Amino acid sequence: MRAKRGAVAFGIAMVGVAAACTSTTQTSPTTPIIDKCQVSASNTPTSFDASGGPGTVTITTTRDCPWSVATTASWVTIDGANTGQGTGSVGYHIAPNPVPTARSASISVGSDSVPLSQAGAPCRFSLSRNVDSVGSDGGRVSVDVTTLTGCNWTASSRVGWIAITAGASGTASGTVSMSVAANGGAARSGQVVIVGQTYAVNQAAAPPPAPTPTPAPTPTPPPDQHVNFTGAVGSVTGHCPSLLLNVGGRSVITDGSTKFKHLKCDDVKSGMSVRIGGIANANGIVLADEVDQTK
């Protein structure tokens, strides 16, 4: 009987030992709870000029905490992977700013974010040319202005004979149109100031007046000619010795030097046939040296 009781006790003891060896102990996980991860971020640099460039976001957190990087700005590009775990850094690039207006954005890292800002593009202006030449009659000229949208400019004439007809101001690329008045004097040059730059117009002088035509020279009268002719006296006027005769259709003048042959001065009358000798001038008038009655 004693031997059986000892065996039963030994068996119970072994069962207890086995039970003790097969029991398990619960342990807590080593992975951190996401909600308890503290993530902070910093940015270098925080501002950029208009040309853009690279930057870096530095993330600080515990070794096992995950994070992700994101941005909604189209002009910000995240370099490489945008997720990670523990302390680290992520690079990014800022694109050039094509407009003269400054802009801003942010990069988010978990619940934290870092700000970004970028300056606007500088306003630069160029003219299609800086000088034009026009004739004395004047006319129309124009010059193109090239710049960014959003850049303001103005144009003004420094002389009264150049008038701006269109494009006196603008906020983007455009054209300045001008009217040049006719020039009635010497050659001249005028300036138009466009966004601080000088555009010059050179205008030719007025043509000289047409020269007065040289009058035709007065023809030299033919020299006096000695004449001798016969004809009937058609008319007689005046008083001796100064008579005006019409002989054969020609005018004949007598004076105190005229010699009368075969008649006297008072005998001259219409219908008488006479011979005239004398000098005929350029007008055909005969100054009689002698008057001779013929039969």
C-alpha atoms as a PDB file:
ATOM      1  CA  MET A   1       0.000   0.000   0.000  1.00  0.00           C
ATOM      2  CA  ARG A   2       2.740   2.446   0.842  1.00  0.00           C
ATOM      3  CA  ALA A   3       4.382   1.741  -2.517  1.00  0.00           C
ATOM      4  CA  LYS A   4       1.262   2.715  -4.515  1.00  0.00           C
ATOM      5  CA  ARG A   5       0.766   5.969  -2.633  1.00  0.00           C
ATOM      6  CA  GLY A   6       4.346   6.990  -3.393  1.00  0.00           C
ATOM      7  CA  ALA A   7       3.912   6.350  -7.098  1.00  0.00           C
ATOM      8  CA  VAL A   8       0.763   8.451  -7.273  1.00  0.00           C
ATOM      9  CA  ALA A   9       2.447  11.356  -5.525  1.00  0.00           C
ATOM     10  CA  PHE A  10       5.393  11.218  -7.909  1.00  0.00           C
ATOM     11  CA  GLY A  11       3.065  11.265 -10.910  1.00  0.00           C
ATOM     12  CA  ILE A  12       1.215  14.313  -9.670  1.00  0.00           C
ATOM     13  CA  ALA A  13       4.482  16.086  -9.088  1.00  0.00           C
ATOM     14  CA  MET A  14       5.662  15.372 -12.632  1.00  0.00           C
ATOM     15  CA  VAL A  15       2.406  16.674 -14.084  1.00  0.00           C
ATOM     16  CA  GLY A  16       2.938  19.915 -12.162  1.00  0.00           C
ATOM     17  CA  VAL A  17       6.453  20.227 -13.486  1.00  0.00           C
ATOM     18  CA  ALA A  18       5.284  19.631 -17.079  1.00  0.00           C
ATOM     19  CA  ALA A  19       2.560  22.185 -16.701  1.00  0.00           C
ATOM     20  CA  ALA A  20       5.054  24.685 -15.442  1.00  0.00           C
ATOM     21  CA  CYS A  21       7.397  24.061 -18.401  1.00  0.00           C
ATOM     22  CA  THR A  22       4.723  24.532 -21.099  1.00  0.00           C
ATOM     23  CA  SER A  23       3.334  27.915 -19.834  1.00  0.00           C
ATOM     24  CA  THR A  24       4.131  31.129 -21.940  1.00  0.00           C
ATOM     25  CA  THR A  25       4.816  34.743 -20.877  1.00  0.00           C
ATOM     26  CA  GLN A  26       3.296  37.764 -22.830  1.00  0.00           C
ATOM     27  CA  THR A  27       5.848  40.543 -23.861  1.00  0.00           C
ATOM     28  CA  SER A  28       5.134  44.118 -25.163  1.00  0.00           C
ATOM     29  CA  PRO A  29       6.045  44.931 -28.885  1.00  0.00           C
ATOM     30  CA  THR A  30       9.218  46.968 -29.620  1.00  0.00           C
ATOM     31  CA  THR A  31       7.710  48.856 -32.632  1.00  0.00           C
ATOM     32  CA  PRO A  32       6.603  52.379 -31.531  1.00  0.00           C
ATOM     33  CA  ILE A  33       2.977  53.369 -31.801  1.00  0.00           C
ATOM     34  CA  ILE A  34       2.618  55.724 -34.819  1.00  0.00           C
ATOM     35  CA  ASP A  35       0.466  58.226 -32.940  1.00  0.00           C
ATOM     36  CA  LYS A  36       3.226  58.725 -30.405  1.00  0.00           C
ATOM     37  CA  CYS A  37       5.934  59.546 -33.032  1.00  0.00           C
ATOM     38  CA  GLN A  38       7.092  63.156 -32.854  1.00  0.00           C
ATOM     39  CA  VAL A  39       8.431  64.386 -36.225  1.00  0.00           C
ATOM     40  CA  SER A  40       9.919  67.838 -36.750  1.00  0.00           C
ATOM     41  CA  ALA A  41      11.354  69.339 -39.939  1.00  0.00           C
ATOM     42  CA  SER A  42      13.606  72.244 -40.862  1.00  0.00           C
ATOM     43  CA  ASN A  43      14.442  73.733 -44.248  1.00  0.00           C
ATOM     44  CA  THR A  44      17.646  75.110 -45.805  1.00  0.00           C
ATOM     45  CA  PRO A  45      17.344  77.594 -47.407  1.00  0.00           C
ATOM     46  CA  THR A  46      13.884  78.987 -46.766  1.00  0.00           C
ATOM     47  CA  SER A  47      13.874  81.555 -49.571  1.00  0.00           C
ATOM     48  CA  PHE A  48      15.110  81.531 -53.177  1.00  0.00           C
ATOM     49  CA  ASP A  49      15.781  84.095 -55.862  1.00  0.00           C
ATOM     50  CA  ALA A  50      13.956  84.009 -59.211  1.00  0.00           C
ATOM     51  CA  SER A  51      16.409  81.495 -60.700  1.00  0.00           C
ATOM     52  CA  GLY A  52      15.400  78.803 -58.152  1.00  0.00           C
ATOM     53  CA  GLY A  53      17.818  76.036 -57.127  1.00  0.00           C
ATOM     54  CA  PRO A  54      18.266  73.121 -54.682  1.00  0.00           C
ATOM     55  CA  GLY A  55      17.198  72.905 -51.064  1.00  0.00           C
ATOM     56  CA  THR A  56      17.145  70.341 -48.249  1.00  0.00           C
ATOM     57  CA  VAL A  57      14.522  69.360 -45.660  1.00  0.00           C
ATOM     58  CA  THR A  58      15.986  67.840 -42.474  1.00  0.00           C
ATOM     59  CA  ILE A  59      13.695  65.488 -40.529  1.00  0.00           C
ATOM     60  CA  THR A  60      14.251  64.833 -36.833  1.00  0.00           C
ATOM     61  CA  THR A  61      12.442  61.958 -35.036  1.00  0.00           C
ATOM     62  CA  THR A  62      13.132  58.692 -33.173  1.00  0.00           C
ATOM     63  CA  ARG A  63      14.808  55.841 -34.991  1.00  0.00           C
ATOM     64  CA  ASP A  64      11.713  53.711 -35.584  1.00  0.00           C
ATOM     65  CA  CYS A  65       9.254  56.474 -36.561  1.00  0.00           C
ATOM     66  CA  PRO A  66       8.254  56.576 -40.263  1.00  0.00           C
ATOM     67  CA  TRP A  67       7.566  59.798 -42.220  1.00  0.00           C
ATOM     68  CA  SER A  68       6.644  61.027 -45.715  1.00  0.00           C
ATOM     69  CA  VAL A  69       7.377  64.275 -47.559  1.00  0.00           C
ATOM     70  CA  ALA A  70       4.909  66.010 -49.921  1.00  0.00           C
ATOM     71  CA  THR A  71       4.104  69.384 -51.528  1.00  0.00           C
ATOM     72  CA  THR A  72       1.232  70.700 -53.628  1.00  0.00           C
ATOM     73  CA  ALA A  73       3.355  73.336 -55.441  1.00  0.00           C
ATOM     74  CA  SER A  74       4.035  72.387 -59.072  1.00  0.00           C
ATOM     75  CA  TRP A  75       7.256  74.413 -59.048  1.00  0.00           C
ATOM     76  CA  VAL A  76       8.747  72.340 -56.181  1.00  0.00           C
ATOM     77  CA  THR A  77      10.192  68.910 -57.080  1.00  0.00           C
ATOM     78  CA  ILE A  78      11.092  66.345 -54.397  1.00  0.00           C
ATOM     79  CA  ASP A  79      14.341  64.535 -55.194  1.00  0.00           C
ATOM     80  CA  GLY A  80      14.364  60.743 -54.895  1.00  0.00           C
ATOM     81  CA  ALA A  81      12.225  58.833 -52.358  1.00  0.00           C
ATOM     82  CA  ASN A  82       9.753  60.902 -50.374  1.00  0.00           C
ATOM     83  CA  THR A  83       9.366  58.414 -47.471  1.00  0.00           C
ATOM     84  CA  GLY A  84      11.719  57.224 -44.731  1.00  0.00           C
ATOM     85  CA  GLN A  85      12.136  56.306 -41.083  1.00  0.00           C
ATOM     86  CA  GLY A  86      14.066  57.948 -38.298  1.00  0.00           C
ATOM     87  CA  THR A  87      16.160  61.096 -38.613  1.00  0.00           C
ATOM     88  CA  GLY A  88      17.127  61.923 -42.197  1.00  0.00           C
ATOM     89  CA  SER A  89      17.019  64.502 -44.999  1.00  0.00           C
ATOM     90  CA  VAL A  90      15.304  64.925 -48.379  1.00  0.00           C
ATOM     91  CA  GLY A  91      16.492  67.140 -51.218  1.00  0.00           C
ATOM     92  CA  TYR A  92      14.269  69.181 -53.515  1.00  0.00           C
ATOM     93  CA  HIS A  93      14.548  71.693 -56.365  1.00  0.00           C
ATOM     94  CA  ILE A  94      12.817  75.026 -56.981  1.00  0.00           C
ATOM     95  CA  ALA A  95      12.059  75.836 -60.640  1.00  0.00           C
ATOM     96  CA  PRO A  96      12.851  79.324 -62.054  1.00  0.00           C
ATOM     97  CA  ASN A  97      10.062  81.850 -61.552  1.00  0.00           C
ATOM     98  CA  PRO A  98       8.903  83.049 -64.994  1.00  0.00           C
ATOM     99  CA  VAL A  99       6.800  85.985 -63.739  1.00  0.00           C
ATOM    100  CA  PRO A 100       7.713  89.134 -61.818  1.00  0.00           C
ATOM    101  CA  THR A 101       5.412  88.203 -58.921  1.00  0.00           C
ATOM    102  CA  ALA A 102       6.870  86.531 -55.806  1.00  0.00           C
ATOM    103  CA  ARG A 103       5.383  83.162 -54.773  1.00  0.00           C
ATOM    104  CA  SER A 104       5.323  80.909 -51.695  1.00  0.00           C
ATOM    105  CA  ALA A 105       4.573  77.271 -50.831  1.00  0.00           C
ATOM    106  CA  SER A 106       5.370  74.659 -48.174  1.00  0.00           C
ATOM    107  CA  ILE A 107       6.704  71.113 -47.840  1.00  0.00           C
ATOM    108  CA  SER A 108       4.835  68.914 -45.359  1.00  0.00           C
ATOM    109  CA  VAL A 109       6.579  66.231 -43.314  1.00  0.00           C
ATOM    110  CA  GLY A 110       3.957  64.288 -41.407  1.00  0.00           C
ATOM    111  CA  SER A 111       2.036  66.793 -39.330  1.00  0.00           C
ATOM    112  CA  ASP A 112       4.845  69.343 -39.577  1.00  0.00           C
ATOM    113  CA  SER A 113       5.643  71.618 -42.540  1.00  0.00           C
ATOM    114  CA  VAL A 114       8.366  74.006 -43.678  1.00  0.00           C
ATOM    115  CA  PRO A 115       7.705  77.227 -45.629  1.00  0.00           C
ATOM    116  CA  LEU A 116       9.243  78.172 -48.985  1.00  0.00           C
ATOM    117  CA  SER A 117       9.335  81.540 -50.762  1.00  0.00           C
ATOM    118  CA  GLN A 118      10.723  82.670 -54.112  1.00  0.00           C
ATOM    119  CA  ALA A 119      11.323  86.151 -55.472  1.00  0.00           C
ATOM    120  CA  GLY A 120       9.665  87.286 -58.693  1.00  0.00           C
ATOM    121  CA  ALA A 121      11.602  87.412 -61.935  1.00  0.00           C
ATOM    122  CA  PRO A 122      13.239  90.816 -62.569  1.00  0.00           C
ATOM    123  CA  CYS A 123      11.591  93.000 -65.201  1.00  0.00           C
ATOM    124  CA  ARG A 124      13.938  93.438 -68.156  1.00  0.00           C
ATOM    125  CA  PHE A 125      13.051  95.324 -71.318  1.00  0.00           C
ATOM    126  CA  SER A 126      14.487  95.312 -74.832  1.00  0.00           C
ATOM    127  CA  LEU A 127      13.607  97.297 -77.986  1.00  0.00           C
ATOM    128  CA  SER A 128      13.567  95.765 -81.456  1.00  0.00           C
ATOM    129  CA  ARG A 129      15.811  98.669 -82.576  1.00  0.00           C
ATOM    130  CA  ASN A 130      16.998 102.014 -81.252  1.00  0.00           C
ATOM    131  CA  VAL A 131      16.956 104.246 -84.344  1.00  0.00           C
ATOM    132  CA  ASP A 132      14.954 104.841 -87.536  1.00  0.00           C
ATOM    133  CA  SER A 133      15.325 107.226 -90.485  1.00  0.00           C
ATOM    134  CA  VAL A 134      12.460 108.859 -92.385  1.00  0.00           C
ATOM    135  CA  GLY A 135      12.228 111.188 -95.351  1.00  0.00           C
ATOM    136  CA  SER A 136      11.297 114.853 -95.219  1.00  0.00           C
ATOM    137  CA  ASP A 137       7.661 113.962 -95.977  1.00  0.00           C
ATOM    138  CA  GLY A 138       7.409 112.161 -92.595  1.00  0.00           C
ATOM    139  CA  GLY A 139       5.294 109.042 -92.118  1.00  0.00           C
ATOM    140  CA  ARG A 140       4.712 106.237 -89.599  1.00  0.00           C
ATOM    141  CA  VAL A 141       7.275 104.205 -87.639  1.00  0.00           C
ATOM    142  CA  SER A 142       6.985 101.589 -84.873  1.00  0.00           C
ATOM    143  CA  VAL A 143       9.257  99.725 -82.442  1.00  0.00           C
ATOM    144  CA  ASP A 144       8.587  96.519 -80.464  1.00  0.00           C
ATOM    145  CA  VAL A 145       9.046  96.216 -76.685  1.00  0.00           C
ATOM    146  CA  THR A 146       9.861  92.756 -75.269  1.00  0.00           C
ATOM    147  CA  THR A 147       9.394  91.961 -71.559  1.00  0.00           C
ATOM    148  CA  LEU A 148       7.627  89.597 -69.139  1.00  0.00           C
ATOM    149  CA  THR A 149       3.888  89.650 -68.561  1.00  0.00           C
ATOM    150  CA  GLY A 150       3.269  91.821 -65.527  1.00  0.00           C
ATOM    151  CA  CYS A 151       6.132  94.257 -66.196  1.00  0.00           C
ATOM    152  CA  ASN A 152       4.898  97.844 -66.601  1.00  0.00           C
ATOM    153  CA  TRP A 153       6.386 100.345 -69.069  1.00  0.00           C
ATOM    154  CA  THR A 154       5.584 103.713 -70.665  1.00  0.00           C
ATOM    155  CA  ALA A 155       6.660 105.647 -73.769  1.00  0.00           C
ATOM    156  CA  SER A 156       6.829 109.429 -74.282  1.00  0.00           C
ATOM    157  CA  SER A 157       8.057 111.709 -77.081  1.00  0.00           C
ATOM    158  CA  ARG A 158      10.552 114.482 -76.372  1.00  0.00           C
ATOM    159  CA  VAL A 159       9.725 116.497 -79.522  1.00  0.00           C
ATOM    160  CA  GLY A 160       6.507 117.893 -80.895  1.00  0.00           C
ATOM    161  CA  TRP A 161       6.948 116.506 -84.421  1.00  0.00           C
ATOM    162  CA  ILE A 162       6.873 112.862 -83.235  1.00  0.00           C
ATOM    163  CA  ALA A 163       3.464 111.794 -81.891  1.00  0.00           C
ATOM    164  CA  ILE A 164       2.768 108.447 -80.196  1.00  0.00           C
ATOM    165  CA  THR A 165      -0.384 107.068 -81.786  1.00  0.00           C
ATOM    166  CA  ALA A 166      -0.522 103.674 -79.983  1.00  0.00           C
ATOM    167  CA  GLY A 167       1.361 101.836 -77.235  1.00  0.00           C
ATOM    168  CA  ALA A 168       2.027 104.719 -74.849  1.00  0.00           C
ATOM    169  CA  SER A 169       2.074 102.141 -72.002  1.00  0.00           C
ATOM    170  CA  GLY A 170       1.915  98.397 -71.453  1.00  0.00           C
ATOM    171  CA  THR A 171       2.157  95.557 -68.924  1.00  0.00           C
ATOM    172  CA  ALA A 172       3.717  92.955 -71.240  1.00  0.00           C
ATOM    173  CA  SER A 173       5.441  92.811 -74.623  1.00  0.00           C
ATOM    174  CA  GLY A 174       3.908  95.284 -77.086  1.00  0.00           C
ATOM    175  CA  THR A 175       4.444  97.813 -79.889  1.00  0.00           C
ATOM    176  CA  VAL A 176       4.871 101.592 -79.793  1.00  0.00           C
ATOM    177  CA  SER A 177       3.486 103.254 -82.963  1.00  0.00           C
ATOM    178  CA  MET A 178       4.442 106.817 -83.923  1.00  0.00           C
ATOM    179  CA  SER A 179       3.585 109.436 -86.544  1.00  0.00           C
ATOM    180  CA  VAL A 180       6.360 111.718 -87.841  1.00  0.00           C
ATOM    181  CA  ALA A 181       5.343 115.123 -89.229  1.00  0.00           C
ATOM    182  CA  ALA A 182       6.699 116.508 -92.503  1.00  0.00           C
ATOM    183  CA  ASN A 183       9.931 118.486 -92.264  1.00  0.00           C
ATOM    184  CA  GLY A 184      10.040 121.888 -93.913  1.00  0.00           C
ATOM    185  CA  GLY A 185      13.592 122.802 -92.872  1.00  0.00           C
ATOM    186  CA  ALA A 186      17.022 121.365 -92.117  1.00  0.00           C
ATOM    187  CA  ALA A 187      17.667 117.721 -91.176  1.00  0.00           C
ATOM    188  CA  ARG A 188      16.669 116.938 -87.590  1.00  0.00           C
ATOM    189  CA  SER A 189      16.742 114.197 -84.954  1.00  0.00           C
ATOM    190  CA  GLY A 190      14.149 113.519 -82.225  1.00  0.00           C
ATOM    191  CA  GLN A 191      13.946 111.075 -79.338  1.00  0.00           C
ATOM    192  CA  VAL A 192      11.223 108.911 -77.808  1.00  0.00           C
ATOM    193  CA  VAL A 193      11.886 107.492 -74.322  1.00  0.00           C
ATOM    194  CA  ILE A 194      10.553 103.939 -73.968  1.00  0.00           C
ATOM    195  CA  VAL A 195      10.887 102.325 -70.507  1.00  0.00           C
ATOM    196  CA  GLY A 196      13.966 104.469 -69.865  1.00  0.00           C
ATOM    197  CA  GLN A 197      15.640 103.625 -73.173  1.00  0.00           C
ATOM    198  CA  THR A 198      16.105 106.138 -76.007  1.00  0.00           C
ATOM    199  CA  TYR A 199      14.681 105.459 -79.464  1.00  0.00           C
ATOM    200  CA  ALA A 200      15.814 108.041 -82.051  1.00  0.00           C
ATOM    201  CA  VAL A 201      14.190 109.197 -85.303  1.00  0.00           C
ATOM    202  CA  ASN A 202      16.417 110.938 -87.864  1.00  0.00           C
ATOM    203  CA  GLN A 203      14.549 112.941 -90.500  1.00  0.00           C
ATOM    204  CA  ALA A 204      15.946 114.237 -93.779  1.00  0.00           C
ATOM    205  CA  ALA A 205      15.941 117.939 -94.646  1.00  0.00           C
ATOM    206  CA  ALA A 206      13.285 119.442 -96.896  1.00  0.00           C
ATOM    207  CA  PRO A 207      14.361 119.494-100.546  1.00  0.00           C
ATOM    208  CA  PRO A 208      15.631 122.873-101.776  1.00  0.00           C
ATOM    209  CA  PRO A 209      13.179 124.960-103.818  1.00  0.00           C
ATOM    210  CA  ALA A 210      13.335 124.531-107.553  1.00  0.00           C
ATOM    211  CA  PRO A 211      15.672 127.144-109.078  1.00  0.00           C
ATOM    212  CA  THR A 212      14.094 130.044-110.928  1.00  0.00           C
ATOM    213  CA  PRO A 213      14.446 129.288-114.610  1.00  0.00           C
ATOM    214  CA  THR A 214      16.961 131.474-116.391  1.00  0.00           C
ATOM    215  CA  PRO A 215      15.077 133.839-118.678  1.00  0.00           C
ATOM    216  CA  ALA A 216      15.775 133.446-122.362  1.00  0.00           C
ATOM    217  CA  PRO A 217      18.274 136.044-123.480  1.00  0.00           C
ATOM    218  CA  THR A 218      16.900 138.958-125.437  1.00  0.00           C
ATOM    219  CA  PRO A 219      17.938 138.395-129.010  1.00  0.00           C
ATOM    220  CA  THR A 220      20.498 140.819-130.243  1.00  0.00           C
ATOM    221  CA  PRO A 221      18.791 143.171-132.691  1.00  0.00           C
ATOM    222  CA  PRO A 222      20.189 143.010-136.148  1.00  0.00           C
ATOM    223  CA  PRO A 223      22.497 145.887-137.037  1.00  0.00           C
ATOM    224  CA  ASP A 224      21.068 148.864-138.843  1.00  0.00           C
ATOM    225  CA  GLN A 225      20.965 148.321-142.614  1.00  0.00           C
ATOM    226  CA  HIS A 226      21.327 150.802-145.475  1.00  0.00           C
ATOM    227  CA  VAL A 227      18.310 150.561-147.746  1.00  0.00           C
ATOM    228  CA  ASN A 228      17.387 152.050-151.071  1.00  0.00           C
ATOM    229  CA  PHE A 229      13.905 151.476-152.487  1.00  0.00           C
ATOM    230  CA  THR A 230      11.224 153.114-154.590  1.00  0.00           C
ATOM    231  CA  GLY A 231       7.517 153.326-153.892  1.00  0.00           C
ATOM    232  CA  ALA A 232       4.442 155.483-153.855  1.00  0.00           C
ATOM    233  CA  VAL A 233       3.778 157.709-150.864  1.00  0.00           C
ATOM    234  CA  GLY A 234       0.708 156.335-149.115  1.00  0.00           C
ATOM    235  CA  SER A 235       0.402 158.928-146.361  1.00  0.00           C
ATOM    236  CA  VAL A 236       2.209 161.971-145.028  1.00  0.00           C
ATOM    237  CA  THR A 237       2.052 163.286-141.447  1.00  0.00           C
ATOM    238  CA  GLY A 238       4.090 165.844-139.531  1.00  0.00           C
ATOM    239  CA  HIS A 239       5.680 169.117-140.469  1.00  0.00           C
ATOM    240  CA  CYS A 240       8.835 169.700-142.463  1.00  0.00           C
ATOM    241  CA  PRO A 241      11.475 168.742-141.996  1.00  0.00           C
ATOM    242  CA  SER A 242      10.081 166.092-139.558  1.00  0.00           C
ATOM    243  CA  LEU A 243       7.755 163.927-141.609  1.00  0.00           C
ATOM    244  CA  LEU A 244       6.445 160.387-141.199  1.00  0.00           C
ATOM    245  CA  LEU A 245       5.853 158.812-144.596  1.00  0.00           C
ATOM    246  CA  ASN A 246       4.374 155.494-145.567  1.00  0.00           C
ATOM    247  CA  VAL A 247       6.214 154.477-148.730  1.00  0.00           C
ATOM    248  CA  GLY A 248       5.366 151.131-150.239  1.00  0.00           C
ATOM    249  CA  GLY A 249       4.111 149.904-146.854  1.00  0.00           C
ATOM    250  CA  ARG A 250       7.277 150.924-144.996  1.00  0.00           C
ATOM    251  CA  SER A 251       7.566 153.708-142.407  1.00  0.00           C
ATOM    252  CA  VAL A 252      10.006 156.445-143.340  1.00  0.00           C
ATOM    253  CA  ILE A 253      11.095 159.306-141.095  1.00  0.00           C
ATOM    254  CA  THR A 254      12.676 162.515-142.347  1.00  0.00           C
ATOM    255  CA  ASP A 255      14.487 165.160-140.327  1.00  0.00           C
ATOM    256  CA  GLY A 256      16.756 168.156-140.834  1.00  0.00           C
ATOM    257  CA  SER A 257      19.549 165.936-142.194  1.00  0.00           C
ATOM    258  CA  THR A 258      17.400 164.450-144.966  1.00  0.00           C
ATOM    259  CA  LYS A 259      18.190 165.703-148.483  1.00  0.00           C
ATOM    260  CA  PHE A 260      15.307 166.178-150.881  1.00  0.00           C
ATOM    261  CA  LYS A 261      16.143 165.847-154.588  1.00  0.00           C
ATOM    262  CA  HIS A 262      14.052 167.157-157.454  1.00  0.00           C
ATOM    263  CA  LEU A 263      11.520 168.379-154.879  1.00  0.00           C
ATOM    264  CA  LYS A 264      11.171 170.248-151.649  1.00  0.00           C
ATOM    265  CA  CYS A 265      10.069 168.854-148.296  1.00  0.00           C
ATOM    266  CA  ASP A 266       6.753 170.667-148.584  1.00  0.00           C
ATOM    267  CA  ASP A 267       6.170 169.100-152.016  1.00  0.00           C
ATOM    268  CA  VAL A 268       5.873 165.559-150.646  1.00  0.00           C
ATOM    269  CA  LYS A 269       2.297 164.347-150.883  1.00  0.00           C
ATOM    270  CA  SER A 270       0.280 161.185-151.164  1.00  0.00           C
ATOM    271  CA  GLY A 271       0.431 159.362-154.468  1.00  0.00           C
ATOM    272  CA  MET A 272       3.861 160.744-155.345  1.00  0.00           C
ATOM    273  CA  SER A 273       6.455 158.227-156.487  1.00  0.00           C
ATOM    274  CA  VAL A 274       9.715 158.605-154.594  1.00  0.00           C
ATOM    275  CA  ARG A 275      12.982 156.820-154.030  1.00  0.00           C
ATOM    276  CA  ILE A 276      14.087 156.498-150.438  1.00  0.00           C
ATOM    277  CA  GLY A 277      17.678 156.015-149.360  1.00  0.00           C
ATOM    278  CA  GLY A 278      18.584 155.641-145.709  1.00  0.00           C
ATOM    279  CA  ILE A 279      19.165 153.387-142.667  1.00  0.00           C
ATOM    280  CA  ALA A 280      16.578 150.847-141.528  1.00  0.00           C
ATOM    281  CA  ASN A 281      16.688 150.074-137.782  1.00  0.00           C
ATOM    282  CA  ALA A 282      15.784 146.786-136.016  1.00  0.00           C
ATOM    283  CA  ASN A 283      12.096 147.702-136.066  1.00  0.00           C
ATOM    284  CA  GLY A 284      12.133 148.243-139.832  1.00  0.00           C
ATOM    285  CA  ILE A 285      11.666 152.015-139.630  1.00  0.00           C
ATOM    286  CA  VAL A 286      13.772 153.844-142.199  1.00  0.00           C
ATOM    287  CA  LEU A 287      15.576 157.035-141.230  1.00  0.00           C
ATOM    288  CA  ALA A 288      15.799 158.714-144.656  1.00  0.00           C
ATOM    289  CA  ASP A 289      19.080 160.172-145.769  1.00  0.00           C
ATOM    290  CA  GLU A 290      17.495 161.344-149.038  1.00  0.00           C
ATOM    291  CA  VAL A 291      14.118 161.508-150.698  1.00  0.00           C
ATOM    292  CA  ASP A 292      14.144 161.730-154.498  1.00  0.00           C
ATOM    293  CA  GLN A 293      11.069 162.223-156.646  1.00  0.00           C
ATOM    294  CA  THR A 294      10.886 159.748-159.500  1.00  0.00           C
ATOM    295  CA  LYS A 295       8.838 159.946-162.656  1.00  0.00           C
END
